[in-house]
Amino acid sequence: MDRISALRNVEDALAAFEDGDCDLADLERRVQTILRTYVSEFDVGESLAVYRVAPADGGDEPPDDEAGGLVLVAAGPNEARAQARELADGLPESLSVERVSD
């Protein structure tokens, strides 16, 4: 899904909410699904990749993502780790980094 398709799908979800065809929880699920699909198909080029950064010890998860880590675009694992530290407070010293894009 490209950016324009994602935006159109979010617009459709917002319109459904505004028309009373769904409640806030359904709207949130729809938008989250759209964003996750967009990220899973995101073409970042050759120099970047999508990474998931999470606590390595299996302890408390970063506060920004209930699914288990921060998902972000970076040039490599070290940059992803550094970027996660900038974006979220309270991350443990040891972080695991998993590449999630091809």
PDB file of N, CA and C in Angstrom:
ATOM      1  N   MET A   1       0.853  -1.165   0.000  1.00  0.00           N
ATOM      2  CA  MET A   1       0.000   0.000   0.000  1.00  0.00           C
ATOM      3  C   MET A   1       0.903   1.232   0.000  1.00  0.00           C
ATOM      4  N   ASP A   2       0.677   2.118  -0.941  1.00  0.00           N
ATOM      5  CA  ASP A   2       1.471   3.342  -0.978  1.00  0.00           C
ATOM      6  C   ASP A   2       0.848   4.400  -0.057  1.00  0.00           C
ATOM      7  N   ARG A   3       1.534   5.506   0.094  1.00  0.00           N
ATOM      8  CA  ARG A   3       1.103   6.557   1.007  1.00  0.00           C
ATOM      9  C   ARG A   3      -0.282   7.097   0.642  1.00  0.00           C
ATOM     10  N   ILE A   4      -0.527   7.328  -0.637  1.00  0.00           N
ATOM     11  CA  ILE A   4      -1.817   7.872  -1.070  1.00  0.00           C
ATOM     12  C   ILE A   4      -2.947   6.901  -0.726  1.00  0.00           C
ATOM     13  N   SER A   5      -2.743   5.616  -0.965  1.00  0.00           N
ATOM     14  CA  SER A   5      -3.760   4.614  -0.619  1.00  0.00           C
ATOM     15  C   SER A   5      -4.017   4.590   0.881  1.00  0.00           C
ATOM     16  N   ALA A   6      -2.951   4.671   1.661  1.00  0.00           N
ATOM     17  CA  ALA A   6      -3.109   4.686   3.115  1.00  0.00           C
ATOM     18  C   ALA A   6      -3.917   5.901   3.554  1.00  0.00           C
ATOM     19  N   LEU A   7      -3.598   7.064   2.994  1.00  0.00           N
ATOM     20  CA  LEU A   7      -4.336   8.278   3.354  1.00  0.00           C
ATOM     21  C   LEU A   7      -5.803   8.178   2.949  1.00  0.00           C
ATOM     22  N   ARG A   8      -6.069   7.632   1.788  1.00  0.00           N
ATOM     23  CA  ARG A   8      -7.464   7.457   1.348  1.00  0.00           C
ATOM     24  C   ARG A   8      -8.212   6.514   2.284  1.00  0.00           C
ATOM     25  N   ASN A   9      -7.550   5.444   2.691  1.00  0.00           N
ATOM     26  CA  ASN A   9      -8.187   4.497   3.608  1.00  0.00           C
ATOM     27  C   ASN A   9      -8.458   5.129   4.968  1.00  0.00           C
ATOM     28  N   VAL A  10      -7.540   5.959   5.451  1.00  0.00           N
ATOM     29  CA  VAL A  10      -7.778   6.674   6.708  1.00  0.00           C
ATOM     30  C   VAL A  10      -8.941   7.643   6.534  1.00  0.00           C
ATOM     31  N   GLU A  11      -8.981   8.341   5.410  1.00  0.00           N
ATOM     32  CA  GLU A  11     -10.111   9.249   5.122  1.00  0.00           C
ATOM     33  C   GLU A  11     -11.431   8.482   5.138  1.00  0.00           C
ATOM     34  N   ASP A  12     -11.463   7.303   4.531  1.00  0.00           N
ATOM     35  CA  ASP A  12     -12.681   6.486   4.521  1.00  0.00           C
ATOM     36  C   ASP A  12     -13.085   6.083   5.940  1.00  0.00           C
ATOM     37  N   ALA A  13     -12.102   5.719   6.754  1.00  0.00           N
ATOM     38  CA  ALA A  13     -12.386   5.343   8.137  1.00  0.00           C
ATOM     39  C   ALA A  13     -12.936   6.535   8.917  1.00  0.00           C
ATOM     40  N   LEU A  14     -12.342   7.714   8.724  1.00  0.00           N
ATOM     41  CA  LEU A  14     -12.842   8.918   9.392  1.00  0.00           C
ATOM     42  C   LEU A  14     -14.262   9.247   8.940  1.00  0.00           C
ATOM     43  N   ALA A  15     -14.531   9.103   7.661  1.00  0.00           N
ATOM     44  CA  ALA A  15     -15.877   9.372   7.142  1.00  0.00           C
ATOM     45  C   ALA A  15     -16.891   8.415   7.766  1.00  0.00           C
ATOM     46  N   ALA A  16     -16.520   7.152   7.909  1.00  0.00           N
ATOM     47  CA  ALA A  16     -17.418   6.180   8.537  1.00  0.00           C
ATOM     48  C   ALA A  16     -17.716   6.582   9.981  1.00  0.00           C
ATOM     49  N   PHE A  17     -16.709   7.047  10.695  1.00  0.00           N
ATOM     50  CA  PHE A  17     -16.901   7.513  12.070  1.00  0.00           C
ATOM     51  C   PHE A  17     -17.825   8.731  12.100  1.00  0.00           C
ATOM     52  N   GLU A  18     -17.559   9.690  11.220  1.00  0.00           N
ATOM     53  CA  GLU A  18     -18.362  10.914  11.173  1.00  0.00           C
ATOM     54  C   GLU A  18     -19.808  10.627  10.789  1.00  0.00           C
ATOM     55  N   ASP A  19     -20.039   9.584   9.986  1.00  0.00           N
ATOM     56  CA  ASP A  19     -21.391   9.216   9.569  1.00  0.00           C
ATOM     57  C   ASP A  19     -22.103   8.333  10.593  1.00  0.00           C
ATOM     58  N   GLY A  20     -21.396   7.988  11.666  1.00  0.00           N
ATOM     59  CA  GLY A  20     -21.998   7.143  12.691  1.00  0.00           C
ATOM     60  C   GLY A  20     -21.995   5.668  12.352  1.00  0.00           C
ATOM     61  N   ASP A  21     -21.198   5.272  11.367  1.00  0.00           N
ATOM     62  CA  ASP A  21     -21.145   3.870  10.960  1.00  0.00           C
ATOM     63  C   ASP A  21     -20.190   3.032  11.803  1.00  0.00           C
ATOM     64  N   CYS A  22     -19.398   3.678  12.648  1.00  0.00           N
ATOM     65  CA  CYS A  22     -18.503   2.952  13.547  1.00  0.00           C
ATOM     66  C   CYS A  22     -18.250   3.808  14.780  1.00  0.00           C
ATOM     67  N   ASP A  23     -17.825   3.164  15.855  1.00  0.00           N
ATOM     68  CA  ASP A  23     -17.486   3.910  17.066  1.00  0.00           C
ATOM     69  C   ASP A  23     -15.979   4.186  17.096  1.00  0.00           C
ATOM     70  N   LEU A  24     -15.535   4.887  18.128  1.00  0.00           N
ATOM     71  CA  LEU A  24     -14.125   5.274  18.217  1.00  0.00           C
ATOM     72  C   LEU A  24     -13.202   4.056  18.260  1.00  0.00           C
ATOM     73  N   ALA A  25     -13.584   3.033  19.008  1.00  0.00           N
ATOM     74  CA  ALA A  25     -12.733   1.837  19.096  1.00  0.00           C
ATOM     75  C   ALA A  25     -12.570   1.186  17.721  1.00  0.00           C
ATOM     76  N   ASP A  26     -13.657   1.115  16.957  1.00  0.00           N
ATOM     77  CA  ASP A  26     -13.574   0.546  15.610  1.00  0.00           C
ATOM     78  C   ASP A  26     -12.719   1.425  14.705  1.00  0.00           C
ATOM     79  N   LEU A  27     -12.888   2.734  14.811  1.00  0.00           N
ATOM     80  CA  LEU A  27     -12.066   3.667  14.031  1.00  0.00           C
ATOM     81  C   LEU A  27     -10.586   3.465  14.344  1.00  0.00           C
ATOM     82  N   GLU A  28     -10.258   3.357  15.631  1.00  0.00           N
ATOM     83  CA  GLU A  28      -8.859   3.153  16.023  1.00  0.00           C
ATOM     84  C   GLU A  28      -8.312   1.852  15.452  1.00  0.00           C
ATOM     85  N   ARG A  29      -9.098   0.778  15.510  1.00  0.00           N
ATOM     86  CA  ARG A  29      -8.652  -0.514  14.950  1.00  0.00           C
ATOM     87  C   ARG A  29      -8.416  -0.401  13.449  1.00  0.00           C
ATOM     88  N   ARG A  30      -9.343   0.269  12.762  1.00  0.00           N
ATOM     89  CA  ARG A  30      -9.208   0.410  11.309  1.00  0.00           C
ATOM     90  C   ARG A  30      -7.955   1.199  10.948  1.00  0.00           C
ATOM     91  N   VAL A  31      -7.742   2.306  11.636  1.00  0.00           N
ATOM     92  CA  VAL A  31      -6.571   3.136  11.338  1.00  0.00           C
ATOM     93  C   VAL A  31      -5.285   2.387  11.689  1.00  0.00           C
ATOM     94  N   GLN A  32      -5.279   1.683  12.811  1.00  0.00           N
ATOM     95  CA  GLN A  32      -4.090   0.911  13.183  1.00  0.00           C
ATOM     96  C   GLN A  32      -3.791  -0.162  12.133  1.00  0.00           C
ATOM     97  N   THR A  33      -4.817  -0.827  11.641  1.00  0.00           N
ATOM     98  CA  THR A  33      -4.630  -1.840  10.600  1.00  0.00           C
ATOM     99  C   THR A  33      -4.069  -1.216   9.331  1.00  0.00           C
ATOM    100  N   ILE A  34      -4.589  -0.060   8.962  1.00  0.00           N
ATOM    101  CA  ILE A  34      -4.091   0.647   7.778  1.00  0.00           C
ATOM    102  C   ILE A  34      -2.609   0.978   7.947  1.00  0.00           C
ATOM    103  N   LEU A  35      -2.248   1.523   9.106  1.00  0.00           N
ATOM    104  CA  LEU A  35      -0.855   1.908   9.337  1.00  0.00           C
ATOM    105  C   LEU A  35       0.070   0.703   9.372  1.00  0.00           C
ATOM    106  N   ARG A  36      -0.360  -0.376  10.001  1.00  0.00           N
ATOM    107  CA  ARG A  36       0.480  -1.581  10.048  1.00  0.00           C
ATOM    108  C   ARG A  36       0.670  -2.174   8.651  1.00  0.00           C
ATOM    109  N   THR A  37      -0.373  -2.143   7.845  1.00  0.00           N
ATOM    110  CA  THR A  37      -0.253  -2.619   6.467  1.00  0.00           C
ATOM    111  C   THR A  37       0.704  -1.733   5.686  1.00  0.00           C
ATOM    112  N   TYR A  38       0.566  -0.429   5.851  1.00  0.00           N
ATOM    113  CA  TYR A  38       1.459   0.511   5.167  1.00  0.00           C
ATOM    114  C   TYR A  38       2.913   0.234   5.541  1.00  0.00           C
ATOM    115  N   VAL A  39       3.183   0.079   6.829  1.00  0.00           N
ATOM    116  CA  VAL A  39       4.560  -0.157   7.285  1.00  0.00           C
ATOM    117  C   VAL A  39       5.079  -1.494   6.769  1.00  0.00           C
ATOM    118  N   SER A  40       4.236  -2.516   6.757  1.00  0.00           N
ATOM    119  CA  SER A  40       4.701  -3.836   6.310  1.00  0.00           C
ATOM    120  C   SER A  40       5.050  -3.844   4.825  1.00  0.00           C
ATOM    121  N   GLU A  41       4.468  -2.918   4.067  1.00  0.00           N
ATOM    122  CA  GLU A  41       4.740  -2.845   2.630  1.00  0.00           C
ATOM    123  C   GLU A  41       5.590  -1.635   2.262  1.00  0.00           C
ATOM    124  N   PHE A  42       6.086  -0.930   3.260  1.00  0.00           N
ATOM    125  CA  PHE A  42       6.815   0.316   3.072  1.00  0.00           C
ATOM    126  C   PHE A  42       8.123   0.071   2.332  1.00  0.00           C
ATOM    127  N   ASP A  43       8.332   0.760   1.224  1.00  0.00           N
ATOM    128  CA  ASP A  43       9.565   0.647   0.441  1.00  0.00           C
ATOM    129  C   ASP A  43      10.521   1.739   0.898  1.00  0.00           C
ATOM    130  N   VAL A  44      11.538   1.340   1.648  1.00  0.00           N
ATOM    131  CA  VAL A  44      12.461   2.313   2.224  1.00  0.00           C
ATOM    132  C   VAL A  44      13.728   2.485   1.401  1.00  0.00           C
ATOM    133  N   GLY A  45      13.834   1.798   0.289  1.00  0.00           N
ATOM    134  CA  GLY A  45      15.030   1.915  -0.531  1.00  0.00           C
ATOM    135  C   GLY A  45      16.134   1.005  -0.033  1.00  0.00           C
ATOM    136  N   GLU A  46      17.315   1.186  -0.589  1.00  0.00           N
ATOM    137  CA  GLU A  46      18.434   0.300  -0.259  1.00  0.00           C
ATOM    138  C   GLU A  46      19.188   0.709   0.997  1.00  0.00           C
ATOM    139  N   SER A  47      19.158   1.980   1.366  1.00  0.00           N
ATOM    140  CA  SER A  47      19.980   2.441   2.487  1.00  0.00           C
ATOM    141  C   SER A  47      19.246   2.430   3.821  1.00  0.00           C
ATOM    142  N   LEU A  48      17.939   2.196   3.818  1.00  0.00           N
ATOM    143  CA  LEU A  48      17.156   2.206   5.046  1.00  0.00           C
ATOM    144  C   LEU A  48      16.383   0.904   5.190  1.00  0.00           C
ATOM    145  N   ALA A  49      15.907   0.642   6.410  1.00  0.00           N
ATOM    146  CA  ALA A  49      15.068  -0.527   6.670  1.00  0.00           C
ATOM    147  C   ALA A  49      14.140  -0.197   7.832  1.00  0.00           C
ATOM    148  N   VAL A  50      13.104  -1.008   7.982  1.00  0.00           N
ATOM    149  CA  VAL A  50      12.197  -0.877   9.117  1.00  0.00           C
ATOM    150  C   VAL A  50      12.675  -1.853  10.188  1.00  0.00           C
ATOM    151  N   TYR A  51      12.800  -1.357  11.429  1.00  0.00           N
ATOM    152  CA  TYR A  51      13.275  -2.159  12.559  1.00  0.00           C
ATOM    153  C   TYR A  51      12.278  -2.096  13.707  1.00  0.00           C
ATOM    154  N   ARG A  52      12.219  -3.192  14.489  1.00  0.00           N
ATOM    155  CA  ARG A  52      11.485  -3.208  15.749  1.00  0.00           C
ATOM    156  C   ARG A  52      12.528  -3.250  16.865  1.00  0.00           C
ATOM    157  N   VAL A  53      12.446  -2.287  17.775  1.00  0.00           N
ATOM    158  CA  VAL A  53      13.372  -2.205  18.902  1.00  0.00           C
ATOM    159  C   VAL A  53      12.571  -2.471  20.172  1.00  0.00           C
ATOM    160  N   ALA A  54      13.031  -3.440  20.977  1.00  0.00           N
ATOM    161  CA  ALA A  54      12.323  -3.828  22.196  1.00  0.00           C
ATOM    162  C   ALA A  54      13.334  -4.174  23.280  1.00  0.00           C
ATOM    163  N   PRO A  55      12.909  -4.200  24.543  1.00  0.00           N
ATOM    164  CA  PRO A  55      13.816  -4.616  25.610  1.00  0.00           C
ATOM    165  C   PRO A  55      14.336  -6.027  25.351  1.00  0.00           C
ATOM    166  N   ALA A  56      15.640  -6.219  25.498  1.00  0.00           N
ATOM    167  CA  ALA A  56      16.251  -7.522  25.225  1.00  0.00           C
ATOM    168  C   ALA A  56      15.976  -8.523  26.330  1.00  0.00           C
ATOM    169  N   ASP A  57      15.720  -8.041  27.530  1.00  0.00           N
ATOM    170  CA  ASP A  57      15.539  -8.930  28.673  1.00  0.00           C
ATOM    171  C   ASP A  57      14.117  -9.455  28.817  1.00  0.00           C
ATOM    172  N   GLY A  58      13.220  -9.064  27.902  1.00  0.00           N
ATOM    173  CA  GLY A  58      11.838  -9.512  27.997  1.00  0.00           C
ATOM    174  C   GLY A  58      11.075  -8.832  29.111  1.00  0.00           C
ATOM    175  N   GLY A  59      11.631  -7.773  29.653  1.00  0.00           N
ATOM    176  CA  GLY A  59      10.994  -7.039  30.744  1.00  0.00           C
ATOM    177  C   GLY A  59       9.893  -6.148  30.237  1.00  0.00           C
ATOM    178  N   ASP A  60       9.723  -5.034  30.911  1.00  0.00           N
ATOM    179  CA  ASP A  60       8.670  -4.102  30.520  1.00  0.00           C
ATOM    180  C   ASP A  60       8.874  -3.649  29.092  1.00  0.00           C
ATOM    181  N   GLU A  61       7.772  -3.502  28.400  1.00  0.00           N
ATOM    182  CA  GLU A  61       7.824  -3.092  27.004  1.00  0.00           C
ATOM    183  C   GLU A  61       7.912  -1.581  26.914  1.00  0.00           C
ATOM    184  N   PRO A  62       8.467  -1.055  25.827  1.00  0.00           N
ATOM    185  CA  PRO A  62       8.476   0.391  25.644  1.00  0.00           C
ATOM    186  C   PRO A  62       7.058   0.935  25.687  1.00  0.00           C
ATOM    187  N   PRO A  63       6.856   2.111  26.229  1.00  0.00           N
ATOM    188  CA  PRO A  63       5.517   2.625  26.447  1.00  0.00           C
ATOM    189  C   PRO A  63       4.753   2.967  25.180  1.00  0.00           C
ATOM    190  N   ASP A  64       5.402   3.112  24.047  1.00  0.00           N
ATOM    191  CA  ASP A  64       4.741   3.619  22.855  1.00  0.00           C
ATOM    192  C   ASP A  64       4.031   2.567  22.019  1.00  0.00           C
ATOM    193  N   ASP A  65       4.233   1.268  22.284  1.00  0.00           N
ATOM    194  CA  ASP A  65       3.636   0.272  21.403  1.00  0.00           C
ATOM    195  C   ASP A  65       3.285  -0.976  22.179  1.00  0.00           C
ATOM    196  N   GLU A  66       1.994  -1.205  22.364  1.00  0.00           N
ATOM    197  CA  GLU A  66       1.557  -2.353  23.132  1.00  0.00           C
ATOM    198  C   GLU A  66       1.883  -3.670  22.440  1.00  0.00           C
ATOM    199  N   ALA A  67       2.222  -3.661  21.174  1.00  0.00           N
ATOM    200  CA  ALA A  67       2.518  -4.890  20.446  1.00  0.00           C
ATOM    201  C   ALA A  67       3.936  -5.390  20.699  1.00  0.00           C
ATOM    202  N   GLY A  68       4.751  -4.664  21.433  1.00  0.00           N
ATOM    203  CA  GLY A  68       6.053  -5.178  21.793  1.00  0.00           C
ATOM    204  C   GLY A  68       7.234  -4.488  21.173  1.00  0.00           C
ATOM    205  N   GLY A  69       7.288  -3.214  21.225  1.00  0.00           N
ATOM    206  CA  GLY A  69       8.464  -2.500  20.763  1.00  0.00           C
ATOM    207  C   GLY A  69       8.126  -1.309  19.908  1.00  0.00           C
ATOM    208  N   LEU A  70       9.152  -0.555  19.623  1.00  0.00           N
ATOM    209  CA  LEU A  70       9.022   0.602  18.745  1.00  0.00           C
ATOM    210  C   LEU A  70       9.390   0.170  17.337  1.00  0.00           C
ATOM    211  N   VAL A  71       8.578   0.528  16.373  1.00  0.00           N
ATOM    212  CA  VAL A  71       8.862   0.213  14.975  1.00  0.00           C
ATOM    213  C   VAL A  71       9.229   1.516  14.296  1.00  0.00           C
ATOM    214  N   LEU A  72      10.418   1.538  13.668  1.00  0.00           N
ATOM    215  CA  LEU A  72      10.909   2.780  13.070  1.00  0.00           C
ATOM    216  C   LEU A  72      11.805   2.508  11.875  1.00  0.00           C
ATOM    217  N   VAL A  73      12.076   3.557  11.117  1.00  0.00           N
ATOM    218  CA  VAL A  73      12.928   3.472   9.930  1.00  0.00           C
ATOM    219  C   VAL A  73      14.313   3.982  10.302  1.00  0.00           C
ATOM    220  N   ALA A  74      15.349   3.209   9.950  1.00  0.00           N
ATOM    221  CA  ALA A  74      16.719   3.608  10.268  1.00  0.00           C
ATOM    222  C   ALA A  74      17.679   3.002   9.246  1.00  0.00           C
ATOM    223  N   ALA A  75      18.916   3.499   9.253  1.00  0.00           N
ATOM    224  CA  ALA A  75      19.939   3.020   8.329  1.00  0.00           C
ATOM    225  C   ALA A  75      20.578   1.714   8.792  1.00  0.00           C
ATOM    226  N   GLY A  76      20.412   1.349  10.044  1.00  0.00           N
ATOM    227  CA  GLY A  76      20.990   0.121  10.557  1.00  0.00           C
ATOM    228  C   GLY A  76      20.566  -0.106  11.991  1.00  0.00           C
ATOM    229  N   PRO A  77      20.922  -1.256  12.569  1.00  0.00           N
ATOM    230  CA  PRO A  77      20.522  -1.586  13.930  1.00  0.00           C
ATOM    231  C   PRO A  77      20.996  -0.576  14.979  1.00  0.00           C
ATOM    232  N   ASN A  78      22.232  -0.095  14.848  1.00  0.00           N
ATOM    233  CA  ASN A  78      22.735   0.869  15.829  1.00  0.00           C
ATOM    234  C   ASN A  78      21.959   2.177  15.770  1.00  0.00           C
ATOM    235  N   GLU A  79      21.664   2.639  14.555  1.00  0.00           N
ATOM    236  CA  GLU A  79      20.872   3.863  14.413  1.00  0.00           C
ATOM    237  C   GLU A  79      19.454   3.649  14.940  1.00  0.00           C
ATOM    238  N   ALA A  80      18.890   2.470  14.711  1.00  0.00           N
ATOM    239  CA  ALA A  80      17.546   2.163  15.213  1.00  0.00           C
ATOM    240  C   ALA A  80      17.524   2.210  16.738  1.00  0.00           C
ATOM    241  N   ARG A  81      18.543   1.627  17.365  1.00  0.00           N
ATOM    242  CA  ARG A  81      18.653   1.631  18.827  1.00  0.00           C
ATOM    243  C   ARG A  81      18.749   3.065  19.350  1.00  0.00           C
ATOM    244  N   ALA A  82      19.597   3.880  18.718  1.00  0.00           N
ATOM    245  CA  ALA A  82      19.768   5.277  19.140  1.00  0.00           C
ATOM    246  C   ALA A  82      18.480   6.069  18.937  1.00  0.00           C
ATOM    247  N   GLN A  83      17.823   5.844  17.819  1.00  0.00           N
ATOM    248  CA  GLN A  83      16.578   6.558  17.533  1.00  0.00           C
ATOM    249  C   GLN A  83      15.497   6.178  18.549  1.00  0.00           C
ATOM    250  N   ALA A  84      15.422   4.902  18.921  1.00  0.00           N
ATOM    251  CA  ALA A  84      14.443   4.461  19.917  1.00  0.00           C
ATOM    252  C   ALA A  84      14.682   5.165  21.247  1.00  0.00           C
ATOM    253  N   ARG A  85      15.947   5.311  21.630  1.00  0.00           N
ATOM    254  CA  ARG A  85      16.269   5.999  22.892  1.00  0.00           C
ATOM    255  C   ARG A  85      15.847   7.469  22.850  1.00  0.00           C
ATOM    256  N   GLU A  86      15.923   8.088  21.670  1.00  0.00           N
ATOM    257  CA  GLU A  86      15.486   9.480  21.530  1.00  0.00           C
ATOM    258  C   GLU A  86      13.966   9.600  21.607  1.00  0.00           C
ATOM    259  N   LEU A  87      13.261   8.583  21.126  1.00  0.00           N
ATOM    260  CA  LEU A  87      11.804   8.648  21.029  1.00  0.00           C
ATOM    261  C   LEU A  87      11.073   8.216  22.294  1.00  0.00           C
ATOM    262  N   ALA A  88      11.673   7.347  23.097  1.00  0.00           N
ATOM    263  CA  ALA A  88      10.973   6.805  24.262  1.00  0.00           C
ATOM    264  C   ALA A  88      11.822   6.925  25.519  1.00  0.00           C
ATOM    265  N   ASP A  89      11.194   7.353  26.574  1.00  0.00           N
ATOM    266  CA  ASP A  89      11.862   7.436  27.872  1.00  0.00           C
ATOM    267  C   ASP A  89      11.788   6.083  28.578  1.00  0.00           C
ATOM    268  N   GLY A  90      12.741   5.840  29.433  1.00  0.00           N
ATOM    269  CA  GLY A  90      12.691   4.674  30.292  1.00  0.00           C
ATOM    270  C   GLY A  90      13.026   3.351  29.640  1.00  0.00           C
ATOM    271  N   LEU A  91      13.707   3.364  28.512  1.00  0.00           N
ATOM    272  CA  LEU A  91      14.106   2.100  27.901  1.00  0.00           C
ATOM    273  C   LEU A  91      15.256   1.493  28.696  1.00  0.00           C
ATOM    274  N   PRO A  92      15.287   0.158  28.823  1.00  0.00           N
ATOM    275  CA  PRO A  92      16.390  -0.477  29.537  1.00  0.00           C
ATOM    276  C   PRO A  92      17.695  -0.345  28.755  1.00  0.00           C
ATOM    277  N   GLU A  93      18.789  -0.630  29.408  1.00  0.00           N
ATOM    278  CA  GLU A  93      20.107  -0.538  28.775  1.00  0.00           C
ATOM    279  C   GLU A  93      20.228  -1.489  27.584  1.00  0.00           C
ATOM    280  N   SER A  94      19.712  -2.705  27.756  1.00  0.00           N
ATOM    281  CA  SER A  94      19.844  -3.725  26.721  1.00  0.00           C
ATOM    282  C   SER A  94      18.584  -3.762  25.848  1.00  0.00           C
ATOM    283  N   LEU A  95      18.781  -3.531  24.542  1.00  0.00           N
ATOM    284  CA  LEU A  95      17.668  -3.530  23.593  1.00  0.00           C
ATOM    285  C   LEU A  95      17.931  -4.532  22.479  1.00  0.00           C
ATOM    286  N   SER A  96      16.891  -5.235  22.066  1.00  0.00           N
ATOM    287  CA  SER A  96      17.016  -6.101  20.892  1.00  0.00           C
ATOM    288  C   SER A  96      16.514  -5.328  19.682  1.00  0.00           C
ATOM    289  N   VAL A  97      17.137  -5.560  18.545  1.00  0.00           N
ATOM    290  CA  VAL A  97      16.751  -4.890  17.305  1.00  0.00           C
ATOM    291  C   VAL A  97      16.508  -5.965  16.258  1.00  0.00           C
ATOM    292  N   GLU A  98      15.311  -5.937  15.678  1.00  0.00           N
ATOM    293  CA  GLU A  98      14.934  -6.911  14.654  1.00  0.00           C
ATOM    294  C   GLU A  98      14.544  -6.167  13.384  1.00  0.00           C
ATOM    295  N   ARG A  99      15.142  -6.552  12.281  1.00  0.00           N
ATOM    296  CA  ARG A  99      14.760  -5.960  10.997  1.00  0.00           C
ATOM    297  C   ARG A  99      13.441  -6.589  10.568  1.00  0.00           C
ATOM    298  N   VAL A 100      12.452  -5.744  10.239  1.00  0.00           N
ATOM    299  CA  VAL A 100      11.137  -6.261   9.868  1.00  0.00           C
ATOM    300  C   VAL A 100      10.783  -5.993   8.414  1.00  0.00           C
ATOM    301  N   SER A 101      11.648  -5.301   7.686  1.00  0.00           N
ATOM    302  CA  SER A 101      11.408  -5.079   6.259  1.00  0.00           C
ATOM    303  C   SER A 101      12.423  -5.868   5.453  1.00  0.00           C
ATOM    304  N   ASP A 102      12.079  -6.123   4.200  1.00  0.00           N
ATOM    305  CA  ASP A 102      12.992  -6.857   3.312  1.00  0.00           C
ATOM    306  C   ASP A 102      14.084  -5.970   2.789  1.00  0.00           C
TER     307      ASP A 102
END
